[in-house]
Amino acid sequence: MQHAEIPEQQIKLIQGIYRKSSSAIKVDKKIKEYFHRKTGVRQGCILSSYLVCLVLEAAMSLSLKDIEAGIELNGTPVNYLRFADDIGLLARSEPELQDITTKIDETSRKFGA
């Protein structure tokens, strides 16, 4: 969230919401034992889609900031396109596509993905 320049106070507020969140599984109309989650967003939370987009944008930006791979559209280099939860990677060759994929994988692991 710091990468997206979100104020520290708002980051702490969001962390507080997620810090002690727990989940349970419902089987045959009975709620089983609650457990604490370490990753992910809360289902139905109004912030969930926003937080996913923030993390995705940060991961993609950090992954590809120094990569010269991709194609040119109107003189602008483009190496990925995103729409909702879909990502299309763009490259001129298979090895270039593998480089992009590897870099995204390495960076995403730092985010817990």
Protein backbone atom coordinates (compact mmCIF):
# COMPACT_ATOMS: atom_id res chain seq x y z
CA MET A 1 0.00 0.00 0.00
CA GLN A 2 2.97 2.28 0.54
CA HIS A 3 3.80 1.70 -3.14
CA ALA A 4 0.39 3.19 -4.01
CA GLU A 5 1.12 6.19 -1.76
CA ILE A 6 -1.76 5.46 0.60
CA PRO A 7 -1.47 7.51 3.80
CA GLU A 8 0.00 5.60 6.77
CA GLN A 9 -3.12 6.23 8.88
CA GLN A 10 -5.33 4.51 6.29
CA ILE A 11 -2.90 1.61 5.99
CA LYS A 12 -3.04 1.06 9.76
CA LEU A 13 -6.84 1.20 9.67
CA ILE A 14 -7.02 -1.48 6.96
CA GLN A 15 -4.43 -3.61 8.76
CA GLY A 16 -6.54 -3.36 11.92
CA ILE A 17 -9.61 -4.61 10.07
CA TYR A 18 -7.73 -7.66 8.78
CA ARG A 19 -5.41 -8.35 11.73
CA LYS A 20 -7.84 -10.36 13.82
CA SER A 21 -10.21 -11.60 11.14
CA SER A 22 -11.29 -15.20 11.32
CA SER A 23 -13.30 -17.59 9.20
CA ALA A 24 -15.42 -20.66 9.63
CA ILE A 25 -16.77 -23.33 7.35
CA LYS A 26 -20.46 -24.16 7.30
CA VAL A 27 -21.37 -27.81 6.72
CA ASP A 28 -24.96 -29.08 6.83
CA LYS A 29 -26.13 -25.74 8.28
CA LYS A 30 -23.67 -26.06 11.15
CA ILE A 31 -20.73 -23.71 11.61
CA LYS A 32 -17.51 -25.55 12.31
CA GLU A 33 -14.62 -24.23 14.40
CA TYR A 34 -13.35 -20.73 13.59
CA PHE A 35 -9.78 -20.29 12.39
CA HIS A 36 -7.53 -17.29 11.78
CA ARG A 37 -6.51 -16.48 8.25
CA LYS A 38 -3.03 -15.32 7.41
CA THR A 39 -3.60 -14.27 3.79
CA GLY A 40 -6.42 -13.21 1.52
CA VAL A 41 -9.22 -10.71 1.74
CA ARG A 42 -12.57 -10.93 3.46
CA GLN A 43 -15.35 -12.22 1.25
CA GLY A 44 -18.04 -9.58 0.86
CA CYS A 45 -15.87 -6.79 2.29
CA ILE A 46 -16.24 -3.56 0.33
CA LEU A 47 -12.45 -3.13 0.44
CA SER A 48 -11.63 -6.56 -0.98
CA SER A 49 -11.66 -5.75 -4.69
CA TYR A 50 -9.82 -2.48 -4.07
CA LEU A 51 -7.11 -4.24 -2.04
CA VAL A 52 -6.69 -6.96 -4.67
CA CYS A 53 -6.28 -4.28 -7.36
CA LEU A 54 -3.73 -2.40 -5.23
CA VAL A 55 -1.60 -5.48 -4.66
CA LEU A 56 -1.90 -6.59 -8.27
CA GLU A 57 -0.90 -3.16 -9.59
CA ALA A 58 2.06 -2.96 -7.19
CA ALA A 59 3.25 -6.47 -8.06
CA MET A 60 2.96 -5.89 -11.80
CA SER A 61 4.62 -2.47 -11.67
CA LEU A 62 7.54 -3.72 -9.57
CA SER A 63 7.91 -6.85 -11.69
CA LEU A 64 8.09 -5.12 -15.02
CA LYS A 65 9.63 -1.72 -14.26
CA ASP A 66 13.07 -2.65 -15.64
CA ILE A 67 11.98 -5.06 -18.37
CA GLU A 68 12.29 -3.94 -21.97
CA ALA A 69 10.02 -6.74 -23.19
CA GLY A 70 6.62 -6.41 -24.80
CA ILE A 71 5.16 -4.77 -27.88
CA GLU A 72 4.74 -1.17 -28.93
CA LEU A 73 1.32 0.45 -29.24
CA ASN A 74 1.48 3.96 -30.72
CA GLY A 75 5.10 4.21 -29.66
CA THR A 76 4.42 3.14 -26.07
CA PRO A 77 5.90 -0.14 -24.78
CA VAL A 78 3.22 -2.46 -23.38
CA ASN A 79 3.94 -5.82 -21.74
CA TYR A 80 0.63 -6.58 -20.06
CA LEU A 81 -3.06 -5.78 -20.22
CA ARG A 82 -5.45 -6.17 -17.28
CA PHE A 83 -9.21 -6.37 -17.13
CA ALA A 84 -10.93 -7.32 -13.87
CA ASP A 85 -9.13 -10.46 -12.70
CA ASP A 86 -7.62 -11.32 -16.10
CA ILE A 87 -4.08 -10.47 -17.18
CA GLY A 88 -2.72 -10.81 -20.69
CA LEU A 89 1.07 -10.79 -21.04
CA LEU A 90 2.47 -9.38 -24.29
CA ALA A 91 5.85 -10.33 -25.77
CA ARG A 92 7.62 -10.54 -29.11
CA SER A 93 8.89 -14.09 -28.52
CA GLU A 94 8.44 -17.12 -26.32
CA PRO A 95 11.71 -16.54 -24.39
CA GLU A 96 10.68 -12.93 -23.76
CA LEU A 97 7.30 -14.13 -22.49
CA GLN A 98 9.08 -16.59 -20.18
CA ASP A 99 11.25 -13.75 -18.82
CA ILE A 100 8.14 -11.67 -18.05
CA THR A 101 6.41 -14.63 -16.40
CA THR A 102 9.44 -15.49 -14.27
CA LYS A 103 9.87 -11.90 -13.09
CA ILE A 104 6.17 -11.64 -12.15
CA ASP A 105 6.38 -14.94 -10.27
CA GLU A 106 9.47 -13.82 -8.31
CA THR A 107 7.93 -10.48 -7.37
CA SER A 108 4.50 -11.93 -6.52
CA ARG A 109 6.07 -14.29 -3.99
CA LYS A 110 7.23 -11.24 -2.03
CA PHE A 111 3.58 -10.18 -1.76
CA GLY A 112 2.51 -13.60 -0.48
CA ALA A 113 0.91 -14.70 -3.73
